[in-house]
N, C-alpha and C. Protein backbone atom coordinates (compact mmCIF):
# COMPACT_ATOMS: atom_id res chain seq x y z
N MET A 1 129.07 84.20 123.17
CA MET A 1 127.93 84.66 122.43
C MET A 1 127.46 86.00 123.00
N GLU A 2 127.35 86.99 122.14
CA GLU A 2 126.95 88.33 122.56
C GLU A 2 125.44 88.38 122.81
N VAL A 3 125.06 88.95 123.93
CA VAL A 3 123.65 89.11 124.25
C VAL A 3 123.20 90.45 123.69
N VAL A 4 122.20 90.41 122.83
CA VAL A 4 121.66 91.62 122.22
C VAL A 4 120.44 92.05 123.01
N PRO A 5 120.44 93.30 123.50
CA PRO A 5 119.26 93.75 124.25
C PRO A 5 118.04 93.83 123.33
N PRO A 6 116.86 93.64 123.88
CA PRO A 6 115.66 93.70 123.04
C PRO A 6 115.42 95.11 122.51
N ILE A 7 114.73 95.17 121.41
CA ILE A 7 114.33 96.44 120.81
C ILE A 7 113.16 96.97 121.64
N ARG A 8 113.33 98.18 122.15
CA ARG A 8 112.34 98.79 123.03
C ARG A 8 111.33 99.59 122.19
N VAL A 9 110.05 99.25 122.33
CA VAL A 9 109.01 99.84 121.49
C VAL A 9 107.93 100.51 122.33
N VAL A 10 107.48 101.67 121.86
CA VAL A 10 106.26 102.28 122.37
C VAL A 10 105.23 102.21 121.25
N VAL A 11 104.04 101.74 121.59
CA VAL A 11 102.93 101.65 120.65
C VAL A 11 101.96 102.79 120.95
N ALA A 12 101.69 103.63 119.94
CA ALA A 12 100.81 104.79 120.12
C ALA A 12 99.66 104.71 119.12
N ASP A 13 98.49 104.39 119.62
CA ASP A 13 97.30 104.27 118.78
C ASP A 13 96.08 104.45 119.67
N ASP A 14 95.07 105.16 119.20
CA ASP A 14 93.88 105.38 120.03
C ASP A 14 92.85 104.26 119.90
N ASP A 15 93.08 103.30 119.03
CA ASP A 15 92.19 102.14 118.88
C ASP A 15 92.69 101.03 119.80
N LEU A 16 91.96 100.79 120.88
CA LEU A 16 92.40 99.82 121.89
C LEU A 16 92.63 98.43 121.33
N SER A 17 91.73 97.95 120.49
CA SER A 17 91.89 96.58 119.99
C SER A 17 93.07 96.48 119.03
N PHE A 18 93.27 97.49 118.18
CA PHE A 18 94.41 97.44 117.27
C PHE A 18 95.72 97.56 118.05
N ARG A 19 95.72 98.44 119.03
CA ARG A 19 96.90 98.62 119.88
C ARG A 19 97.26 97.29 120.55
N GLY A 20 96.26 96.60 121.06
CA GLY A 20 96.50 95.31 121.69
C GLY A 20 97.05 94.28 120.72
N ALA A 21 96.55 94.31 119.48
CA ALA A 21 97.05 93.37 118.47
C ALA A 21 98.51 93.65 118.15
N LEU A 22 98.89 94.93 118.03
CA LEU A 22 100.29 95.27 117.78
C LEU A 22 101.18 94.76 118.91
N VAL A 23 100.75 95.00 120.13
CA VAL A 23 101.53 94.56 121.30
C VAL A 23 101.69 93.05 121.29
N ASP A 24 100.61 92.32 121.02
CA ASP A 24 100.67 90.85 121.00
C ASP A 24 101.67 90.35 119.97
N VAL A 25 101.62 90.91 118.76
CA VAL A 25 102.53 90.45 117.69
C VAL A 25 103.98 90.75 118.06
N LEU A 26 104.24 91.95 118.57
CA LEU A 26 105.62 92.31 118.92
C LEU A 26 106.14 91.48 120.08
N GLU A 27 105.31 91.28 121.10
CA GLU A 27 105.78 90.55 122.27
C GLU A 27 105.93 89.05 122.03
N ASP A 28 105.37 88.56 120.93
CA ASP A 28 105.60 87.16 120.55
C ASP A 28 106.97 86.96 119.92
N ASP A 29 107.65 88.04 119.62
CA ASP A 29 108.98 87.99 119.00
C ASP A 29 110.02 88.35 120.07
N PRO A 30 110.98 87.47 120.34
CA PRO A 30 111.94 87.73 121.42
C PRO A 30 112.85 88.93 121.17
N ARG A 31 112.86 89.47 119.97
CA ARG A 31 113.70 90.65 119.69
C ARG A 31 113.11 91.92 120.27
N PHE A 32 111.84 91.90 120.69
CA PHE A 32 111.13 93.11 121.08
C PHE A 32 110.61 93.06 122.50
N VAL A 33 110.53 94.24 123.10
CA VAL A 33 109.82 94.42 124.36
C VAL A 33 109.04 95.73 124.23
N VAL A 34 107.75 95.67 124.51
CA VAL A 34 106.92 96.87 124.48
C VAL A 34 107.05 97.54 125.84
N VAL A 35 107.59 98.76 125.84
CA VAL A 35 107.86 99.47 127.10
C VAL A 35 106.80 100.51 127.42
N GLY A 36 105.83 100.68 126.51
CA GLY A 36 104.78 101.64 126.78
C GLY A 36 103.71 101.62 125.72
N ILE A 37 102.51 102.05 126.14
CA ILE A 37 101.35 102.12 125.26
C ILE A 37 100.70 103.47 125.49
N ALA A 38 100.41 104.18 124.39
CA ALA A 38 99.81 105.51 124.50
C ALA A 38 98.58 105.60 123.60
N GLY A 39 97.60 106.39 124.04
CA GLY A 39 96.40 106.61 123.24
C GLY A 39 96.26 108.04 122.76
N THR A 40 97.16 108.93 123.21
CA THR A 40 97.15 110.33 122.77
C THR A 40 98.60 110.80 122.59
N GLY A 41 98.75 111.92 121.90
CA GLY A 41 100.07 112.48 121.72
C GLY A 41 100.72 112.89 123.03
N ASP A 42 99.93 113.43 123.96
CA ASP A 42 100.49 113.82 125.25
C ASP A 42 101.02 112.61 126.02
N GLU A 43 100.24 111.53 126.04
CA GLU A 43 100.70 110.30 126.70
C GLU A 43 101.98 109.79 126.04
N LEU A 44 102.01 109.87 124.72
CA LEU A 44 103.18 109.40 123.97
C LEU A 44 104.43 110.16 124.37
N MET A 45 104.36 111.48 124.40
CA MET A 45 105.55 112.28 124.73
C MET A 45 106.05 111.97 126.13
N GLN A 46 105.14 111.79 127.08
CA GLN A 46 105.54 111.45 128.44
C GLN A 46 106.22 110.08 128.48
N LEU A 47 105.65 109.12 127.76
CA LEU A 47 106.24 107.77 127.73
C LEU A 47 107.63 107.78 127.11
N VAL A 48 107.78 108.51 126.02
CA VAL A 48 109.08 108.55 125.34
C VAL A 48 110.13 109.17 126.27
N ASP A 49 109.75 110.22 126.98
CA ASP A 49 110.69 110.84 127.92
C ASP A 49 111.10 109.87 129.03
N ARG A 50 110.15 109.08 129.52
CA ARG A 50 110.43 108.15 130.62
C ARG A 50 111.11 106.87 130.17
N GLN A 51 110.72 106.34 129.02
CA GLN A 51 111.14 104.99 128.62
C GLN A 51 112.27 104.95 127.61
N ASP A 52 112.55 106.04 126.91
CA ASP A 52 113.62 106.10 125.92
C ASP A 52 113.58 104.90 124.95
N PRO A 53 112.47 104.76 124.20
CA PRO A 53 112.35 103.61 123.29
C PRO A 53 113.26 103.74 122.08
N ASP A 54 113.51 102.60 121.46
CA ASP A 54 114.24 102.59 120.19
C ASP A 54 113.31 102.94 119.03
N VAL A 55 112.05 102.53 119.15
CA VAL A 55 111.06 102.70 118.08
C VAL A 55 109.73 103.14 118.67
N VAL A 56 109.06 104.03 117.94
CA VAL A 56 107.67 104.38 118.24
C VAL A 56 106.83 104.00 117.04
N LEU A 57 105.82 103.16 117.27
CA LEU A 57 104.80 102.89 116.25
C LEU A 57 103.70 103.91 116.47
N LEU A 58 103.49 104.79 115.50
CA LEU A 58 102.65 105.98 115.67
C LEU A 58 101.47 105.98 114.71
N ASP A 59 100.27 105.92 115.26
CA ASP A 59 99.05 106.06 114.46
C ASP A 59 98.96 107.51 114.01
N ILE A 60 98.74 107.72 112.72
CA ILE A 60 98.76 109.10 112.23
C ILE A 60 97.45 109.84 112.50
N ARG A 61 96.37 109.14 112.86
CA ARG A 61 95.08 109.78 113.12
C ARG A 61 94.78 109.89 114.62
N MET A 62 95.66 109.43 115.46
CA MET A 62 95.48 109.50 116.90
C MET A 62 95.49 110.97 117.34
N PRO A 63 94.66 111.35 118.31
CA PRO A 63 94.73 112.73 118.81
C PRO A 63 96.15 113.09 119.26
N GLY A 64 96.69 114.15 118.68
CA GLY A 64 98.05 114.57 119.00
C GLY A 64 99.12 113.73 118.35
N GLY A 65 98.73 112.89 117.41
CA GLY A 65 99.70 112.04 116.70
C GLY A 65 100.04 112.63 115.35
N GLY A 66 100.30 111.79 114.39
CA GLY A 66 100.57 112.24 113.03
C GLY A 66 101.89 112.97 112.87
N PRO A 67 101.96 113.81 111.83
CA PRO A 67 103.23 114.49 111.52
C PRO A 67 103.76 115.36 112.66
N GLU A 68 102.86 116.00 113.41
CA GLU A 68 103.32 116.87 114.51
C GLU A 68 104.10 116.06 115.54
N ALA A 69 103.55 114.93 115.92
CA ALA A 69 104.24 114.07 116.89
C ALA A 69 105.53 113.51 116.30
N ALA A 70 105.49 113.12 115.04
CA ALA A 70 106.70 112.58 114.40
C ALA A 70 107.83 113.60 114.41
N ARG A 71 107.50 114.86 114.11
CA ARG A 71 108.54 115.91 114.12
C ARG A 71 109.16 116.06 115.50
N ARG A 72 108.34 115.95 116.53
CA ARG A 72 108.85 116.11 117.90
C ARG A 72 109.72 114.93 118.33
N LEU A 73 109.48 113.77 117.75
CA LEU A 73 110.16 112.56 118.19
C LEU A 73 111.36 112.15 117.36
N THR A 74 111.41 112.56 116.13
CA THR A 74 112.32 111.98 115.16
C THR A 74 113.77 111.96 115.61
N ARG A 75 114.39 110.83 115.34
CA ARG A 75 115.80 110.58 115.66
C ARG A 75 116.69 111.60 114.96
N THR A 76 117.64 112.13 115.68
CA THR A 76 118.62 113.05 115.11
C THR A 76 120.02 112.52 115.39
N VAL A 77 120.95 112.92 114.55
CA VAL A 77 122.34 112.50 114.71
C VAL A 77 123.12 113.65 115.32
N ASP A 78 123.85 113.36 116.39
CA ASP A 78 124.71 114.35 117.03
C ASP A 78 125.99 114.45 116.21
N PRO A 79 126.25 115.61 115.57
CA PRO A 79 127.44 115.73 114.73
C PRO A 79 128.75 115.55 115.49
N ALA A 80 128.75 115.87 116.77
CA ALA A 80 129.98 115.76 117.56
C ALA A 80 130.36 114.31 117.82
N THR A 81 129.36 113.48 118.10
CA THR A 81 129.66 112.09 118.46
C THR A 81 129.30 111.09 117.37
N GLY A 82 128.43 111.49 116.45
CA GLY A 82 127.95 110.56 115.44
C GLY A 82 126.84 109.66 115.96
N GLY A 83 126.54 109.76 117.25
CA GLY A 83 125.47 108.96 117.83
C GLY A 83 124.12 109.58 117.52
N SER A 84 123.08 108.79 117.69
CA SER A 84 121.75 109.31 117.42
C SER A 84 120.94 109.40 118.70
N THR A 85 120.00 110.33 118.69
CA THR A 85 119.11 110.51 119.83
C THR A 85 117.68 110.43 119.34
N GLY A 86 116.82 109.99 120.20
CA GLY A 86 115.41 109.88 119.84
C GLY A 86 115.11 108.56 119.16
N PRO A 87 113.83 108.22 119.14
CA PRO A 87 113.43 106.93 118.56
C PRO A 87 113.27 107.00 117.05
N VAL A 88 113.30 105.85 116.42
CA VAL A 88 112.85 105.72 115.04
C VAL A 88 111.33 105.77 115.09
N VAL A 89 110.73 106.56 114.20
CA VAL A 89 109.28 106.68 114.15
C VAL A 89 108.77 105.89 112.94
N VAL A 90 107.83 105.00 113.20
CA VAL A 90 107.19 104.22 112.14
C VAL A 90 105.70 104.52 112.19
N ALA A 91 105.18 105.13 111.12
CA ALA A 91 103.76 105.45 111.04
C ALA A 91 102.96 104.18 110.79
N VAL A 92 101.81 104.11 111.44
CA VAL A 92 100.89 103.00 111.25
C VAL A 92 99.52 103.61 110.99
N SER A 93 98.91 103.27 109.84
CA SER A 93 97.66 103.93 109.50
C SER A 93 96.80 103.10 108.57
N ALA A 94 95.49 103.32 108.67
CA ALA A 94 94.57 102.76 107.69
C ALA A 94 94.55 103.64 106.45
N GLN A 95 95.02 104.88 106.59
CA GLN A 95 95.09 105.83 105.48
C GLN A 95 96.34 105.50 104.66
N VAL A 96 96.15 105.13 103.40
CA VAL A 96 97.29 104.68 102.60
C VAL A 96 97.52 105.55 101.37
N GLY A 97 96.98 106.75 101.37
CA GLY A 97 97.17 107.65 100.23
C GLY A 97 98.54 108.30 100.24
N ALA A 98 98.95 108.76 99.07
CA ALA A 98 100.27 109.36 98.90
C ALA A 98 100.49 110.56 99.80
N ASN A 99 99.47 111.41 99.98
CA ASN A 99 99.66 112.62 100.79
C ASN A 99 99.99 112.30 102.24
N GLY A 100 99.30 111.32 102.82
CA GLY A 100 99.59 110.92 104.20
C GLY A 100 100.98 110.34 104.35
N ILE A 101 101.37 109.52 103.39
CA ILE A 101 102.70 108.91 103.41
C ILE A 101 103.77 109.99 103.34
N LEU A 102 103.61 110.92 102.38
CA LEU A 102 104.60 111.99 102.23
C LEU A 102 104.66 112.89 103.45
N ALA A 103 103.51 113.19 104.04
CA ALA A 103 103.50 114.04 105.24
C ALA A 103 104.31 113.40 106.36
N MET A 104 104.15 112.10 106.55
CA MET A 104 104.88 111.42 107.61
C MET A 104 106.37 111.30 107.30
N LEU A 105 106.71 111.02 106.06
CA LEU A 105 108.13 110.94 105.69
C LEU A 105 108.80 112.30 105.86
N ARG A 106 108.12 113.35 105.43
CA ARG A 106 108.68 114.71 105.58
C ARG A 106 108.83 115.09 107.05
N ALA A 107 107.98 114.52 107.90
CA ALA A 107 108.05 114.80 109.34
C ALA A 107 109.13 113.96 110.03
N GLY A 108 109.74 113.04 109.28
CA GLY A 108 110.84 112.27 109.85
C GLY A 108 110.58 110.80 110.07
N ALA A 109 109.40 110.30 109.73
CA ALA A 109 109.13 108.87 109.90
C ALA A 109 110.05 108.06 109.00
N THR A 110 110.47 106.91 109.48
CA THR A 110 111.35 106.02 108.73
C THR A 110 110.56 104.90 108.07
N GLY A 111 109.32 104.73 108.48
CA GLY A 111 108.49 103.70 107.88
C GLY A 111 107.04 104.12 107.89
N TYR A 112 106.26 103.47 107.03
CA TYR A 112 104.83 103.72 106.95
C TYR A 112 104.18 102.37 106.67
N LEU A 113 103.41 101.89 107.63
CA LEU A 113 102.81 100.56 107.54
C LEU A 113 101.30 100.68 107.51
N GLY A 114 100.67 99.99 106.57
CA GLY A 114 99.22 99.97 106.49
C GLY A 114 98.63 99.04 107.54
N LYS A 115 97.62 99.51 108.25
CA LYS A 115 97.03 98.72 109.33
C LYS A 115 96.49 97.39 108.85
N GLY A 116 95.98 97.34 107.65
CA GLY A 116 95.37 96.11 107.17
C GLY A 116 96.36 95.09 106.64
N ARG A 117 97.65 95.39 106.67
CA ARG A 117 98.64 94.54 106.01
C ARG A 117 99.79 94.12 106.93
N LEU A 118 99.56 94.09 108.21
CA LEU A 118 100.69 93.86 109.11
C LEU A 118 100.88 92.39 109.47
N GLY A 119 100.15 91.92 110.44
CA GLY A 119 100.26 90.52 110.84
C GLY A 119 101.66 90.13 111.27
N ALA A 120 102.04 88.91 110.92
CA ALA A 120 103.30 88.32 111.37
C ALA A 120 104.53 89.02 110.81
N GLN A 121 104.38 89.79 109.75
CA GLN A 121 105.55 90.48 109.18
C GLN A 121 105.94 91.74 109.95
N LEU A 122 105.09 92.19 110.87
CA LEU A 122 105.36 93.43 111.61
C LEU A 122 106.74 93.45 112.27
N PRO A 123 107.14 92.45 113.04
CA PRO A 123 108.45 92.53 113.69
C PRO A 123 109.61 92.72 112.71
N ASP A 124 109.58 92.01 111.60
CA ASP A 124 110.67 92.16 110.62
C ASP A 124 110.67 93.54 109.99
N LEU A 125 109.49 94.09 109.70
CA LEU A 125 109.41 95.43 109.11
C LEU A 125 109.97 96.46 110.08
N VAL A 126 109.60 96.35 111.34
CA VAL A 126 110.10 97.30 112.35
C VAL A 126 111.61 97.15 112.52
N ALA A 127 112.10 95.94 112.58
CA ALA A 127 113.54 95.71 112.74
C ALA A 127 114.32 96.32 111.57
N ARG A 128 113.77 96.25 110.38
CA ARG A 128 114.46 96.81 109.21
C ARG A 128 114.62 98.33 109.33
N THR A 129 113.65 99.02 109.94
CA THR A 129 113.79 100.47 110.10
C THR A 129 114.96 100.80 111.02
N LEU A 130 115.21 99.96 112.01
CA LEU A 130 116.34 100.19 112.91
C LEU A 130 117.67 99.93 112.23
N GLU A 131 117.65 99.20 111.14
CA GLU A 131 118.87 98.94 110.37
C GLU A 131 119.10 100.03 109.32
N GLY A 132 118.27 101.06 109.33
CA GLY A 132 118.45 102.18 108.41
C GLY A 132 117.61 102.12 107.16
N GLU A 133 116.78 101.10 107.02
CA GLU A 133 115.92 101.02 105.84
C GLU A 133 114.69 101.89 106.01
N VAL A 134 114.22 102.45 104.91
CA VAL A 134 112.92 103.09 104.87
C VAL A 134 111.95 102.01 104.42
N VAL A 135 110.94 101.74 105.23
CA VAL A 135 110.00 100.66 104.94
C VAL A 135 108.63 101.27 104.66
N LEU A 136 108.15 101.07 103.44
CA LEU A 136 106.84 101.56 103.03
C LEU A 136 105.98 100.36 102.65
N ALA A 137 105.23 99.85 103.60
CA ALA A 137 104.42 98.66 103.37
C ALA A 137 102.95 99.06 103.25
N VAL A 138 102.67 99.86 102.22
CA VAL A 138 101.31 100.33 101.94
C VAL A 138 101.12 100.41 100.43
N PRO A 139 99.88 100.22 99.96
CA PRO A 139 99.63 100.29 98.53
C PRO A 139 99.96 101.65 97.91
N GLY A 140 99.83 102.74 98.65
CA GLY A 140 100.07 104.07 98.10
C GLY A 140 101.54 104.46 98.01
N ALA A 141 102.45 103.57 98.37
CA ALA A 141 103.88 103.92 98.41
C ALA A 141 104.41 104.32 97.05
N VAL A 142 104.04 103.62 96.00
CA VAL A 142 104.55 103.95 94.66
C VAL A 142 104.06 105.33 94.25
N ASP A 143 102.79 105.63 94.50
CA ASP A 143 102.26 106.95 94.16
C ASP A 143 102.98 108.05 94.95
N ALA A 144 103.26 107.79 96.22
CA ALA A 144 103.98 108.77 97.04
C ALA A 144 105.37 109.02 96.49
N LEU A 145 106.07 107.97 96.10
CA LEU A 145 107.42 108.14 95.55
C LEU A 145 107.38 108.87 94.22
N ARG A 146 106.41 108.56 93.38
CA ARG A 146 106.28 109.28 92.10
C ARG A 146 106.01 110.76 92.33
N GLN A 147 105.15 111.06 93.30
CA GLN A 147 104.85 112.46 93.61
C GLN A 147 106.10 113.17 94.14
N LEU A 148 106.84 112.50 94.98
CA LEU A 148 108.07 113.07 95.52
C LEU A 148 109.07 113.34 94.41
N LEU A 149 109.21 112.39 93.51
CA LEU A 149 110.14 112.56 92.39
C LEU A 149 109.68 113.66 91.44
N ALA A 150 108.38 113.80 91.24
CA ALA A 150 107.86 114.85 90.37
C ALA A 150 108.17 116.23 90.94
N ASP A 151 108.24 116.34 92.25
CA ASP A 151 108.53 117.62 92.91
C ASP A 151 110.03 117.93 92.96
N ALA A 152 110.87 116.94 92.70
CA ALA A 152 112.33 117.11 92.79
C ALA A 152 112.89 117.56 91.44
N PRO A 153 113.99 118.31 91.47
CA PRO A 153 114.62 118.68 90.20
C PRO A 153 115.15 117.44 89.49
N ALA A 154 115.07 117.46 88.17
CA ALA A 154 115.56 116.33 87.38
C ALA A 154 117.07 116.25 87.48
N PRO A 155 117.61 115.03 87.59
CA PRO A 155 119.08 114.89 87.66
C PRO A 155 119.71 115.23 86.31
N THR A 156 120.93 115.71 86.38
CA THR A 156 121.68 115.97 85.15
C THR A 156 122.58 114.78 84.89
N THR A 157 123.17 114.73 83.72
CA THR A 157 124.05 113.60 83.40
C THR A 157 125.25 113.56 84.33
N SER A 158 125.65 114.69 84.88
CA SER A 158 126.79 114.69 85.80
C SER A 158 126.42 114.09 87.16
N ASP A 159 125.10 114.00 87.46
CA ASP A 159 124.65 113.39 88.72
C ASP A 159 124.65 111.88 88.67
N VAL A 160 124.65 111.32 87.47
CA VAL A 160 124.57 109.87 87.30
C VAL A 160 125.97 109.28 87.26
N PRO A 161 126.26 108.29 88.12
CA PRO A 161 127.62 107.73 88.14
C PRO A 161 127.95 106.95 86.89
């Protein structure tokens, strides 16, 4: 039986009670280990450098957080090896409007989770982002996708298989 190492997570949020709730939910799941907690963007960058997490849960309103932090952290693929570097960034916010969602996706976030809708589903949502899924668990997700599609050029018949 193959032993799978736990998913290493850094939680970045300036709300102490919410941050604690995220940590509790993740640590109740044997797939995860929280390797760091940050309350500012500067703390986050230092933790990521030291701990090399697989995932960062990033509050978009935290001082030094949001799209700027996501751009600095976002996972990239090394064309020479095909391997990836950097963590998967999952935005966590009470702000569920289309503009915030799009800003984080454009900055490289792989997921956007509404603070009021997490609970026991959090570990599965985070795990799905590591499997390559984009997870948008917020009411504004449909509006964000419609806005994104409205800004994109319309496909031609040759684009459709």
